[in-house]
Amino acid sequence: MLFAFICVDKPDSSKLRSKLRPPHLEYMIGVKDRTVFGGPLQDDVGEASQGSIFAIEFASRVEAEAFLAEEPYNKGGLFQSAEIWRWRQMIPEVEEGQLLKLLERERANLGS
C-alpha cells in the first residue's frame, strides 16, 4: 500500500531542519526503492523549506506510522504537524492505459 506523508515544519525552524538534514537523507536513502516521490515543501519563491511530502510503499499503516515515528525530522521535533494518508497513484500511470480505462468506466456509470 502506498502512503503519503504531509509534514509541516514549525515556524522559524530552518536551523533545526539544516541540523537534521543529514540523518533525514540517510533515512530516506534506506527506503528510496519503495518511494514514489518525495521532497521539501517550499515557500512561494522556492527559497525556504517549510515541510516535507513523500509517498512510500508499506505493507500496513502500522509500518507507515513506525516509519514516521523514527523519521529524523519528526523525531527531532521539526514538524508542527505530520499526517499519513493512504494514497492511490494515478499519475504517472502504474499501468499503461489506466486513466483511459477509469474514464470509460466513469462515463459508463453516468450513462446507467
PDB file of N, CA and C in Angstrom:
ATOM      1  N   MET A   1       0.835  -1.172   0.000  1.00  0.00           N
ATOM      2  CA  MET A   1       0.000   0.000   0.000  1.00  0.00           C
ATOM      3  C   MET A   1       0.882   1.237   0.000  1.00  0.00           C
ATOM      4  N   LEU A   2       0.444   2.222  -0.748  1.00  0.00           N
ATOM      5  CA  LEU A   2       1.151   3.494  -0.745  1.00  0.00           C
ATOM      6  C   LEU A   2       0.580   4.405   0.333  1.00  0.00           C
ATOM      7  N   PHE A   3       1.476   5.106   0.996  1.00  0.00           N
ATOM      8  CA  PHE A   3       1.074   6.094   1.991  1.00  0.00           C
ATOM      9  C   PHE A   3       1.764   7.405   1.674  1.00  0.00           C
ATOM     10  N   ALA A   4       0.988   8.479   1.708  1.00  0.00           N
ATOM     11  CA  ALA A   4       1.517   9.822   1.515  1.00  0.00           C
ATOM     12  C   ALA A   4       1.701  10.466   2.884  1.00  0.00           C
ATOM     13  N   PHE A   5       2.822  11.114   3.050  1.00  0.00           N
ATOM     14  CA  PHE A   5       3.151  11.809   4.290  1.00  0.00           C
ATOM     15  C   PHE A   5       3.196  13.293   3.971  1.00  0.00           C
ATOM     16  N   ILE A   6       2.420  14.073   4.710  1.00  0.00           N
ATOM     17  CA  ILE A   6       2.394  15.520   4.522  1.00  0.00           C
ATOM     18  C   ILE A   6       2.773  16.143   5.866  1.00  0.00           C
ATOM     19  N   CYS A   7       3.939  16.753   5.890  1.00  0.00           N
ATOM     20  CA  CYS A   7       4.511  17.241   7.141  1.00  0.00           C
ATOM     21  C   CYS A   7       4.839  18.722   7.012  1.00  0.00           C
ATOM     22  N   VAL A   8       4.439  19.497   8.002  1.00  0.00           N
ATOM     23  CA  VAL A   8       4.666  20.941   8.004  1.00  0.00           C
ATOM     24  C   VAL A   8       5.621  21.280   9.148  1.00  0.00           C
ATOM     25  N   ASP A   9       6.653  22.050   8.814  1.00  0.00           N
ATOM     26  CA  ASP A   9       7.640  22.447   9.815  1.00  0.00           C
ATOM     27  C   ASP A   9       7.061  23.448  10.808  1.00  0.00           C
ATOM     28  N   LYS A  10       7.638  23.472  11.988  1.00  0.00           N
ATOM     29  CA  LYS A  10       7.327  24.506  12.960  1.00  0.00           C
ATOM     30  C   LYS A  10       7.852  25.833  12.411  1.00  0.00           C
ATOM     31  N   PRO A  11       7.239  26.945  12.775  1.00  0.00           N
ATOM     32  CA  PRO A  11       7.737  28.250  12.312  1.00  0.00           C
ATOM     33  C   PRO A  11       9.186  28.489  12.753  1.00  0.00           C
ATOM     34  N   ASP A  12       9.911  29.201  11.918  1.00  0.00           N
ATOM     35  CA  ASP A  12      11.285  29.608  12.234  1.00  0.00           C
ATOM     36  C   ASP A  12      12.179  28.439  12.634  1.00  0.00           C
ATOM     37  N   SER A  13      12.110  27.372  11.870  1.00  0.00           N
ATOM     38  CA  SER A  13      12.864  26.163  12.233  1.00  0.00           C
ATOM     39  C   SER A  13      13.922  25.785  11.198  1.00  0.00           C
ATOM     40  N   SER A  14      14.363  26.748  10.398  1.00  0.00           N
ATOM     41  CA  SER A  14      15.326  26.427   9.338  1.00  0.00           C
ATOM     42  C   SER A  14      16.653  25.897   9.896  1.00  0.00           C
ATOM     43  N   LYS A  15      17.099  26.386  11.032  1.00  0.00           N
ATOM     44  CA  LYS A  15      18.346  25.887  11.624  1.00  0.00           C
ATOM     45  C   LYS A  15      18.198  24.434  12.064  1.00  0.00           C
ATOM     46  N   LEU A  16      17.058  24.106  12.645  1.00  0.00           N
ATOM     47  CA  LEU A  16      16.812  22.729  13.071  1.00  0.00           C
ATOM     48  C   LEU A  16      16.731  21.811  11.848  1.00  0.00           C
ATOM     49  N   ARG A  17      16.082  22.269  10.797  1.00  0.00           N
ATOM     50  CA  ARG A  17      15.990  21.478   9.555  1.00  0.00           C
ATOM     51  C   ARG A  17      17.391  21.199   9.017  1.00  0.00           C
ATOM     52  N   SER A  18      18.233  22.212   8.972  1.00  0.00           N
ATOM     53  CA  SER A  18      19.603  22.034   8.475  1.00  0.00           C
ATOM     54  C   SER A  18      20.377  21.022   9.320  1.00  0.00           C
ATOM     55  N   LYS A  19      20.228  21.104  10.619  1.00  0.00           N
ATOM     56  CA  LYS A  19      20.923  20.193  11.532  1.00  0.00           C
ATOM     57  C   LYS A  19      20.473  18.742  11.311  1.00  0.00           C
ATOM     58  N   LEU A  20      19.177  18.553  11.068  1.00  0.00           N
ATOM     59  CA  LEU A  20      18.616  17.200  10.933  1.00  0.00           C
ATOM     60  C   LEU A  20      18.686  16.661   9.508  1.00  0.00           C
ATOM     61  N   ARG A  21      19.076  17.487   8.562  1.00  0.00           N
ATOM     62  CA  ARG A  21      19.063  17.066   7.160  1.00  0.00           C
ATOM     63  C   ARG A  21      19.935  15.840   6.855  1.00  0.00           C
ATOM     64  N   PRO A  22      21.199  15.770   7.311  1.00  0.00           N
ATOM     65  CA  PRO A  22      21.984  14.571   7.001  1.00  0.00           C
ATOM     66  C   PRO A  22      21.337  13.266   7.489  1.00  0.00           C
ATOM     67  N   PRO A  23      20.881  13.181   8.759  1.00  0.00           N
ATOM     68  CA  PRO A  23      20.235  11.920   9.160  1.00  0.00           C
ATOM     69  C   PRO A  23      18.911  11.667   8.418  1.00  0.00           C
ATOM     70  N   HIS A  24      18.209  12.735   8.067  1.00  0.00           N
ATOM     71  CA  HIS A  24      16.980  12.576   7.282  1.00  0.00           C
ATOM     72  C   HIS A  24      17.305  11.963   5.925  1.00  0.00           C
ATOM     73  N   LEU A  25      18.314  12.497   5.237  1.00  0.00           N
ATOM     74  CA  LEU A  25      18.687  11.971   3.923  1.00  0.00           C
ATOM     75  C   LEU A  25      19.124  10.514   4.019  1.00  0.00           C
ATOM     76  N   GLU A  26      19.902  10.193   5.035  1.00  0.00           N
ATOM     77  CA  GLU A  26      20.337   8.806   5.232  1.00  0.00           C
ATOM     78  C   GLU A  26      19.124   7.888   5.439  1.00  0.00           C
ATOM     79  N   TYR A  27      18.168   8.342   6.210  1.00  0.00           N
ATOM     80  CA  TYR A  27      16.947   7.561   6.483  1.00  0.00           C
ATOM     81  C   TYR A  27      16.145   7.355   5.201  1.00  0.00           C
ATOM     82  N   MET A  28      16.028   8.399   4.403  1.00  0.00           N
ATOM     83  CA  MET A  28      15.261   8.298   3.159  1.00  0.00           C
ATOM     84  C   MET A  28      15.970   7.419   2.123  1.00  0.00           C
ATOM     85  N   ILE A  29      17.285   7.423   2.113  1.00  0.00           N
ATOM     86  CA  ILE A  29      18.024   6.539   1.210  1.00  0.00           C
ATOM     87  C   ILE A  29      17.658   5.085   1.491  1.00  0.00           C
ATOM     88  N   GLY A  30      17.380   4.766   2.738  1.00  0.00           N
ATOM     89  CA  GLY A  30      17.004   3.412   3.121  1.00  0.00           C
ATOM     90  C   GLY A  30      15.678   2.939   2.546  1.00  0.00           C
ATOM     91  N   VAL A  31      14.826   3.876   2.113  1.00  0.00           N
ATOM     92  CA  VAL A  31      13.519   3.498   1.540  1.00  0.00           C
ATOM     93  C   VAL A  31      13.354   3.984   0.103  1.00  0.00           C
ATOM     94  N   LYS A  32      14.437   4.408  -0.523  1.00  0.00           N
ATOM     95  CA  LYS A  32      14.324   5.000  -1.858  1.00  0.00           C
ATOM     96  C   LYS A  32      13.727   4.044  -2.882  1.00  0.00           C
ATOM     97  N   ASP A  33      13.946   2.743  -2.738  1.00  0.00           N
ATOM     98  CA  ASP A  33      13.401   1.784  -3.695  1.00  0.00           C
ATOM     99  C   ASP A  33      11.891   1.608  -3.559  1.00  0.00           C
ATOM    100  N   ARG A  34      11.325   2.064  -2.432  1.00  0.00           N
ATOM    101  CA  ARG A  34       9.877   1.972  -2.208  1.00  0.00           C
ATOM    102  C   ARG A  34       9.189   3.333  -2.276  1.00  0.00           C
ATOM    103  N   THR A  35       9.958   4.373  -2.617  1.00  0.00           N
ATOM    104  CA  THR A  35       9.434   5.731  -2.627  1.00  0.00           C
ATOM    105  C   THR A  35       9.009   6.135  -4.031  1.00  0.00           C
ATOM    106  N   VAL A  36       7.763   6.627  -4.151  1.00  0.00           N
ATOM    107  CA  VAL A  36       7.226   7.086  -5.434  1.00  0.00           C
ATOM    108  C   VAL A  36       7.645   8.528  -5.692  1.00  0.00           C
ATOM    109  N   PHE A  37       7.581   9.353  -4.669  1.00  0.00           N
ATOM    110  CA  PHE A  37       8.043  10.734  -4.776  1.00  0.00           C
ATOM    111  C   PHE A  37       8.373  11.247  -3.384  1.00  0.00           C
ATOM    112  N   GLY A  38       9.124  12.327  -3.340  1.00  0.00           N
ATOM    113  CA  GLY A  38       9.434  12.941  -2.057  1.00  0.00           C
ATOM    114  C   GLY A  38      10.225  14.208  -2.257  1.00  0.00           C
ATOM    115  N   GLY A  39      10.106  15.101  -1.290  1.00  0.00           N
ATOM    116  CA  GLY A  39      10.863  16.334  -1.331  1.00  0.00           C
ATOM    117  C   GLY A  39      10.305  17.362  -0.378  1.00  0.00           C
ATOM    118  N   PRO A  40      11.007  18.508  -0.304  1.00  0.00           N
ATOM    119  CA  PRO A  40      10.574  19.556   0.618  1.00  0.00           C
ATOM    120  C   PRO A  40       9.410  20.376   0.061  1.00  0.00           C
ATOM    121  N   LEU A  41       8.547  20.793   0.952  1.00  0.00           N
ATOM    122  CA  LEU A  41       7.543  21.811   0.634  1.00  0.00           C
ATOM    123  C   LEU A  41       8.260  23.149   0.799  1.00  0.00           C
ATOM    124  N   GLN A  42       8.050  24.062  -0.153  1.00  0.00           N
ATOM    125  CA  GLN A  42       8.796  25.313  -0.128  1.00  0.00           C
ATOM    126  C   GLN A  42       7.883  26.525  -0.107  1.00  0.00           C
ATOM    127  N   ASP A  43       8.461  27.660   0.262  1.00  0.00           N
ATOM    128  CA  ASP A  43       7.717  28.911   0.180  1.00  0.00           C
ATOM    129  C   ASP A  43       7.511  29.257  -1.303  1.00  0.00           C
ATOM    130  N   ASP A  44       6.729  30.263  -1.576  1.00  0.00           N
ATOM    131  CA  ASP A  44       6.358  30.587  -2.956  1.00  0.00           C
ATOM    132  C   ASP A  44       7.524  31.008  -3.847  1.00  0.00           C
ATOM    133  N   VAL A  45       8.597  31.468  -3.268  1.00  0.00           N
ATOM    134  CA  VAL A  45       9.753  31.851  -4.082  1.00  0.00           C
ATOM    135  C   VAL A  45      10.793  30.733  -4.167  1.00  0.00           C
ATOM    136  N   GLY A  46      10.549  29.616  -3.488  1.00  0.00           N
ATOM    137  CA  GLY A  46      11.439  28.470  -3.559  1.00  0.00           C
ATOM    138  C   GLY A  46      12.742  28.626  -2.804  1.00  0.00           C
ATOM    139  N   GLU A  47      12.758  29.535  -1.839  1.00  0.00           N
ATOM    140  CA  GLU A  47      13.995  29.794  -1.102  1.00  0.00           C
ATOM    141  C   GLU A  47      14.059  29.079   0.239  1.00  0.00           C
ATOM    142  N   ALA A  48      12.917  28.782   0.822  1.00  0.00           N
ATOM    143  CA  ALA A  48      12.905  28.189   2.162  1.00  0.00           C
ATOM    144  C   ALA A  48      12.019  26.954   2.196  1.00  0.00           C
ATOM    145  N   SER A  49      12.529  25.902   2.796  1.00  0.00           N
ATOM    146  CA  SER A  49      11.722  24.700   3.001  1.00  0.00           C
ATOM    147  C   SER A  49      10.809  24.928   4.192  1.00  0.00           C
ATOM    148  N   GLN A  50       9.578  24.450   4.048  1.00  0.00           N
ATOM    149  CA  GLN A  50       8.587  24.647   5.098  1.00  0.00           C
ATOM    150  C   GLN A  50       7.920  23.358   5.530  1.00  0.00           C
ATOM    151  N   GLY A  51       8.415  22.243   5.008  1.00  0.00           N
ATOM    152  CA  GLY A  51       7.845  20.954   5.345  1.00  0.00           C
ATOM    153  C   GLY A  51       8.351  19.902   4.385  1.00  0.00           C
ATOM    154  N   SER A  52       7.715  18.760   4.414  1.00  0.00           N
ATOM    155  CA  SER A  52       8.113  17.638   3.561  1.00  0.00           C
ATOM    156  C   SER A  52       6.874  16.904   3.074  1.00  0.00           C
ATOM    157  N   ILE A  53       7.007  16.311   1.884  1.00  0.00           N
ATOM    158  CA  ILE A  53       5.945  15.475   1.340  1.00  0.00           C
ATOM    159  C   ILE A  53       6.606  14.289   0.647  1.00  0.00           C
ATOM    160  N   PHE A  54       6.094  13.100   0.910  1.00  0.00           N
ATOM    161  CA  PHE A  54       6.623  11.915   0.253  1.00  0.00           C
ATOM    162  C   PHE A  54       5.579  10.814   0.254  1.00  0.00           C
ATOM    163  N   ALA A  55       5.710   9.896  -0.687  1.00  0.00           N
ATOM    164  CA  ALA A  55       4.831   8.729  -0.789  1.00  0.00           C
ATOM    165  C   ALA A  55       5.707   7.489  -0.850  1.00  0.00           C
ATOM    166  N   ILE A  56       5.412   6.550   0.049  1.00  0.00           N
ATOM    167  CA  ILE A  56       6.248   5.364   0.196  1.00  0.00           C
ATOM    168  C   ILE A  56       5.355   4.137   0.345  1.00  0.00           C
ATOM    169  N   GLU A  57       5.819   3.032  -0.191  1.00  0.00           N
ATOM    170  CA  GLU A  57       5.113   1.756  -0.103  1.00  0.00           C
ATOM    171  C   GLU A  57       5.413   1.082   1.241  1.00  0.00           C
ATOM    172  N   PHE A  58       4.350   0.713   1.947  1.00  0.00           N
ATOM    173  CA  PHE A  58       4.454  -0.053   3.192  1.00  0.00           C
ATOM    174  C   PHE A  58       3.395  -1.144   3.177  1.00  0.00           C
ATOM    175  N   ALA A  59       3.623  -2.212   3.914  1.00  0.00           N
ATOM    176  CA  ALA A  59       2.675  -3.323   3.970  1.00  0.00           C
ATOM    177  C   ALA A  59       1.419  -2.953   4.755  1.00  0.00           C
ATOM    178  N   SER A  60       1.531  -1.972   5.656  1.00  0.00           N
ATOM    179  CA  SER A  60       0.391  -1.615   6.505  1.00  0.00           C
ATOM    180  C   SER A  60       0.550  -0.196   7.040  1.00  0.00           C
ATOM    181  N   ARG A  61      -0.538   0.342   7.562  1.00  0.00           N
ATOM    182  CA  ARG A  61      -0.498   1.655   8.215  1.00  0.00           C
ATOM    183  C   ARG A  61       0.424   1.608   9.436  1.00  0.00           C
ATOM    184  N   VAL A  62       0.412   0.486  10.134  1.00  0.00           N
ATOM    185  CA  VAL A  62       1.272   0.351  11.314  1.00  0.00           C
ATOM    186  C   VAL A  62       2.742   0.555  10.927  1.00  0.00           C
ATOM    187  N   GLU A  63       3.157  -0.032   9.795  1.00  0.00           N
ATOM    188  CA  GLU A  63       4.535   0.164   9.331  1.00  0.00           C
ATOM    189  C   GLU A  63       4.791   1.613   8.932  1.00  0.00           C
ATOM    190  N   ALA A  64       3.813   2.245   8.293  1.00  0.00           N
ATOM    191  CA  ALA A  64       3.960   3.652   7.907  1.00  0.00           C
ATOM    192  C   ALA A  64       4.102   4.534   9.147  1.00  0.00           C
ATOM    193  N   GLU A  65       3.300   4.268  10.156  1.00  0.00           N
ATOM    194  CA  GLU A  65       3.372   5.037  11.398  1.00  0.00           C
ATOM    195  C   GLU A  65       4.708   4.827  12.101  1.00  0.00           C
ATOM    196  N   ALA A  66       5.207   3.591  12.085  1.00  0.00           N
ATOM    197  CA  ALA A  66       6.510   3.313  12.695  1.00  0.00           C
ATOM    198  C   ALA A  66       7.628   4.031  11.946  1.00  0.00           C
ATOM    199  N   PHE A  67       7.515   4.078  10.618  1.00  0.00           N
ATOM    200  CA  PHE A  67       8.494   4.802   9.815  1.00  0.00           C
ATOM    201  C   PHE A  67       8.508   6.276  10.212  1.00  0.00           C
ATOM    202  N   LEU A  68       7.341   6.895  10.297  1.00  0.00           N
ATOM    203  CA  LEU A  68       7.268   8.311  10.635  1.00  0.00           C
ATOM    204  C   LEU A  68       7.775   8.571  12.050  1.00  0.00           C
ATOM    205  N   ALA A  69       7.488   7.674  12.969  1.00  0.00           N
ATOM    206  CA  ALA A  69       7.936   7.854  14.354  1.00  0.00           C
ATOM    207  C   ALA A  69       9.460   7.926  14.446  1.00  0.00           C
ATOM    208  N   GLU A  70      10.158   7.217  13.572  1.00  0.00           N
ATOM    209  CA  GLU A  70      11.619   7.193  13.601  1.00  0.00           C
ATOM    210  C   GLU A  70      12.266   8.145  12.602  1.00  0.00           C
ATOM    211  N   GLU A  71      11.456   8.789  11.760  1.00  0.00           N
ATOM    212  CA  GLU A  71      11.979   9.705  10.742  1.00  0.00           C
ATOM    213  C   GLU A  71      12.691  10.856  11.458  1.00  0.00           C
ATOM    214  N   PRO A  72      13.951  11.142  11.115  1.00  0.00           N
ATOM    215  CA  PRO A  72      14.739  12.115  11.871  1.00  0.00           C
ATOM    216  C   PRO A  72      14.134  13.516  11.999  1.00  0.00           C
ATOM    217  N   TYR A  73      13.509  14.031  10.955  1.00  0.00           N
ATOM    218  CA  TYR A  73      12.871  15.345  11.096  1.00  0.00           C
ATOM    219  C   TYR A  73      11.766  15.280  12.147  1.00  0.00           C
ATOM    220  N   ASN A  74      10.957  14.252  12.084  1.00  0.00           N
ATOM    221  CA  ASN A  74       9.855  14.107  13.034  1.00  0.00           C
ATOM    222  C   ASN A  74      10.382  13.835  14.440  1.00  0.00           C
ATOM    223  N   LYS A  75      11.282  12.883  14.539  1.00  0.00           N
ATOM    224  CA  LYS A  75      11.842  12.506  15.840  1.00  0.00           C
ATOM    225  C   LYS A  75      12.598  13.672  16.473  1.00  0.00           C
ATOM    226  N   GLY A  76      13.204  14.509  15.629  1.00  0.00           N
ATOM    227  CA  GLY A  76      13.968  15.649  16.125  1.00  0.00           C
ATOM    228  C   GLY A  76      13.133  16.871  16.464  1.00  0.00           C
ATOM    229  N   GLY A  77      11.805  16.778  16.281  1.00  0.00           N
ATOM    230  CA  GLY A  77      10.923  17.875  16.677  1.00  0.00           C
ATOM    231  C   GLY A  77      10.735  18.964  15.640  1.00  0.00           C
ATOM    232  N   LEU A  78      11.078  18.703  14.375  1.00  0.00           N
ATOM    233  CA  LEU A  78      10.940  19.727  13.335  1.00  0.00           C
ATOM    234  C   LEU A  78       9.488  19.988  12.952  1.00  0.00           C
ATOM    235  N   PHE A  79       8.687  18.951  12.913  1.00  0.00           N
ATOM    236  CA  PHE A  79       7.339  19.083  12.360  1.00  0.00           C
ATOM    237  C   PHE A  79       6.330  19.647  13.358  1.00  0.00           C
ATOM    238  N   GLN A  80       5.579  20.614  12.876  1.00  0.00           N
ATOM    239  CA  GLN A  80       4.429  21.147  13.604  1.00  0.00           C
ATOM    240  C   GLN A  80       3.271  20.176  13.480  1.00  0.00           C
ATOM    241  N   SER A  81       3.146  19.592  12.288  1.00  0.00           N
ATOM    242  CA  SER A  81       2.107  18.583  12.050  1.00  0.00           C
ATOM    243  C   SER A  81       2.645  17.560  11.061  1.00  0.00           C
ATOM    244  N   ALA A  82       2.155  16.336  11.187  1.00  0.00           N
ATOM    245  CA  ALA A  82       2.551  15.262  10.278  1.00  0.00           C
ATOM    246  C   ALA A  82       1.345  14.346  10.087  1.00  0.00           C
ATOM    247  N   GLU A  83       0.918  14.232   8.842  1.00  0.00           N
ATOM    248  CA  GLU A  83      -0.241  13.400   8.523  1.00  0.00           C
ATOM    249  C   GLU A  83       0.181  12.253   7.624  1.00  0.00           C
ATOM    250  N   ILE A  84      -0.501  11.138   7.784  1.00  0.00           N
ATOM    251  CA  ILE A  84      -0.288   9.981   6.914  1.00  0.00           C
ATOM    252  C   ILE A  84      -1.620   9.670   6.254  1.00  0.00           C
ATOM    253  N   TRP A  85      -1.592   9.561   4.943  1.00  0.00           N
ATOM    254  CA  TRP A  85      -2.789   9.238   4.166  1.00  0.00           C
ATOM    255  C   TRP A  85      -2.503   8.032   3.277  1.00  0.00           C
ATOM    256  N   ARG A  86      -3.413   7.073   3.244  1.00  0.00           N
ATOM    257  CA  ARG A  86      -3.294   6.021   2.244  1.00  0.00           C
ATOM    258  C   ARG A  86      -3.516   6.696   0.902  1.00  0.00           C
ATOM    259  N   TRP A  87      -2.725   6.308  -0.097  1.00  0.00           N
ATOM    260  CA  TRP A  87      -2.727   7.024  -1.372  1.00  0.00           C
ATOM    261  C   TRP A  87      -2.745   6.047  -2.524  1.00  0.00           C
ATOM    262  N   ARG A  88      -3.486   6.382  -3.553  1.00  0.00           N
ATOM    263  CA  ARG A  88      -3.541   5.580  -4.772  1.00  0.00           C
ATOM    264  C   ARG A  88      -2.900   6.373  -5.902  1.00  0.00           C
ATOM    265  N   GLN A  89      -1.868   5.829  -6.489  1.00  0.00           N
ATOM    266  CA  GLN A  89      -1.168   6.511  -7.574  1.00  0.00           C
ATOM    267  C   GLN A  89      -1.960   6.416  -8.864  1.00  0.00           C
ATOM    268  N   MET A  90      -2.221   7.567  -9.462  1.00  0.00           N
ATOM    269  CA  MET A  90      -2.915   7.629 -10.749  1.00  0.00           C
ATOM    270  C   MET A  90      -1.975   8.127 -11.843  1.00  0.00           C
ATOM    271  N   ILE A  91      -1.168   9.139 -11.517  1.00  0.00           N
ATOM    272  CA  ILE A  91      -0.244   9.727 -12.486  1.00  0.00           C
ATOM    273  C   ILE A  91       1.110   9.862 -11.813  1.00  0.00           C
ATOM    274  N   PRO A  92       2.204   9.451 -12.419  1.00  0.00           N
ATOM    275  CA  PRO A  92       2.212   8.739 -13.681  1.00  0.00           C
ATOM    276  C   PRO A  92       1.537   7.376 -13.549  1.00  0.00           C
ATOM    277  N   GLU A  93       1.000   6.919 -14.656  1.00  0.00           N
ATOM    278  CA  GLU A  93       0.262   5.664 -14.643  1.00  0.00           C
ATOM    279  C   GLU A  93       1.173   4.508 -14.234  1.00  0.00           C
ATOM    280  N   VAL A  94       0.660   3.677 -13.356  1.00  0.00           N
ATOM    281  CA  VAL A  94       1.364   2.472 -12.959  1.00  0.00           C
ATOM    282  C   VAL A  94       1.212   1.430 -14.065  1.00  0.00           C
ATOM    283  N   GLU A  95       0.032   1.428 -14.655  1.00  0.00           N
ATOM    284  CA  GLU A  95      -0.294   0.509 -15.747  1.00  0.00           C
ATOM    285  C   GLU A  95      -0.706   1.340 -16.956  1.00  0.00           C
ATOM    286  N   GLU A  96      -0.089   1.111 -18.091  1.00  0.00           N
ATOM    287  CA  GLU A  96      -0.402   1.862 -19.314  1.00  0.00           C
ATOM    288  C   GLU A  96      -1.895   1.781 -19.605  1.00  0.00           C
ATOM    289  N   GLY A  97      -2.525   2.935 -19.853  1.00  0.00           N
ATOM    290  CA  GLY A  97      -3.945   2.992 -20.184  1.00  0.00           C
ATOM    291  C   GLY A  97      -4.874   3.015 -18.982  1.00  0.00           C
ATOM    292  N   GLN A  98      -4.316   3.059 -17.788  1.00  0.00           N
ATOM    293  CA  GLN A  98      -5.098   3.038 -16.546  1.00  0.00           C
ATOM    294  C   GLN A  98      -6.112   4.191 -16.484  1.00  0.00           C
ATOM    295  N   LEU A  99      -5.690   5.386 -16.835  1.00  0.00           N
ATOM    296  CA  LEU A  99      -6.591   6.544 -16.760  1.00  0.00           C
ATOM    297  C   LEU A  99      -7.708   6.452 -17.791  1.00  0.00           C
ATOM    298  N   LEU A 100      -7.396   5.995 -18.978  1.00  0.00           N
ATOM    299  CA  LEU A 100      -8.410   5.844 -20.020  1.00  0.00           C
ATOM    300  C   LEU A 100      -9.459   4.811 -19.609  1.00  0.00           C
ATOM    301  N   LYS A 101      -9.022   3.698 -19.030  1.00  0.00           N
ATOM    302  CA  LYS A 101      -9.960   2.676 -18.546  1.00  0.00           C
ATOM    303  C   LYS A 101     -10.873   3.258 -17.463  1.00  0.00           C
ATOM    304  N   LEU A 102     -10.301   4.027 -16.566  1.00  0.00           N
ATOM    305  CA  LEU A 102     -11.085   4.649 -15.499  1.00  0.00           C
ATOM    306  C   LEU A 102     -12.088   5.640 -16.081  1.00  0.00           C
ATOM    307  N   LEU A 103     -11.666   6.439 -17.039  1.00  0.00           N
ATOM    308  CA  LEU A 103     -12.563   7.393 -17.681  1.00  0.00           C
ATOM    309  C   LEU A 103     -13.732   6.678 -18.352  1.00  0.00           C
ATOM    310  N   GLU A 104     -13.443   5.620 -19.084  1.00  0.00           N
ATOM    311  CA  GLU A 104     -14.503   4.860 -19.761  1.00  0.00           C
ATOM    312  C   GLU A 104     -15.480   4.271 -18.755  1.00  0.00           C
ATOM    313  N   ARG A 105     -14.966   3.735 -17.647  1.00  0.00           N
ATOM    314  CA  ARG A 105     -15.838   3.174 -16.603  1.00  0.00           C
ATOM    315  C   ARG A 105     -16.716   4.259 -15.978  1.00  0.00           C
ATOM    316  N   GLU A 106     -16.120   5.415 -15.708  1.00  0.00           N
ATOM    317  CA  GLU A 106     -16.892   6.508 -15.097  1.00  0.00           C
ATOM    318  C   GLU A 106     -17.981   7.005 -16.054  1.00  0.00           C
ATOM    319  N   ARG A 107     -17.662   7.123 -17.322  1.00  0.00           N
ATOM    320  CA  ARG A 107     -18.665   7.558 -18.306  1.00  0.00           C
ATOM    321  C   ARG A 107     -19.788   6.536 -18.414  1.00  0.00           C
ATOM    322  N   ALA A 108     -19.443   5.248 -18.360  1.00  0.00           N
ATOM    323  CA  ALA A 108     -20.457   4.190 -18.420  1.00  0.00           C
ATOM    324  C   ALA A 108     -21.360   4.246 -17.202  1.00  0.00           C
ATOM    325  N   ASN A 109     -20.789   4.525 -16.030  1.00  0.00           N
ATOM    326  CA  ASN A 109     -21.583   4.616 -14.812  1.00  0.00           C
ATOM    327  C   ASN A 109     -22.552   5.792 -14.870  1.00  0.00           C
ATOM    328  N   LEU A 110     -22.138   6.898 -15.473  1.00  0.00           N
ATOM    329  CA  LEU A 110     -23.028   8.059 -15.613  1.00  0.00           C
ATOM    330  C   LEU A 110     -24.176   7.768 -16.552  1.00  0.00           C
ATOM    331  N   GLY A 111     -23.922   6.906 -17.530  1.00  0.00           N
ATOM    332  CA  GLY A 111     -24.959   6.571 -18.506  1.00  0.00           C
ATOM    333  C   GLY A 111     -25.970   5.563 -18.002  1.00  0.00           C
ATOM    334  N   SER A 112     -25.676   4.905 -16.883  1.00  0.00           N
ATOM    335  CA  SER A 112     -26.576   3.869 -16.352  1.00  0.00           C
ATOM    336  C   SER A 112     -27.804   4.451 -15.689  1.00  0.00           C
TER     337      SER A 112
END
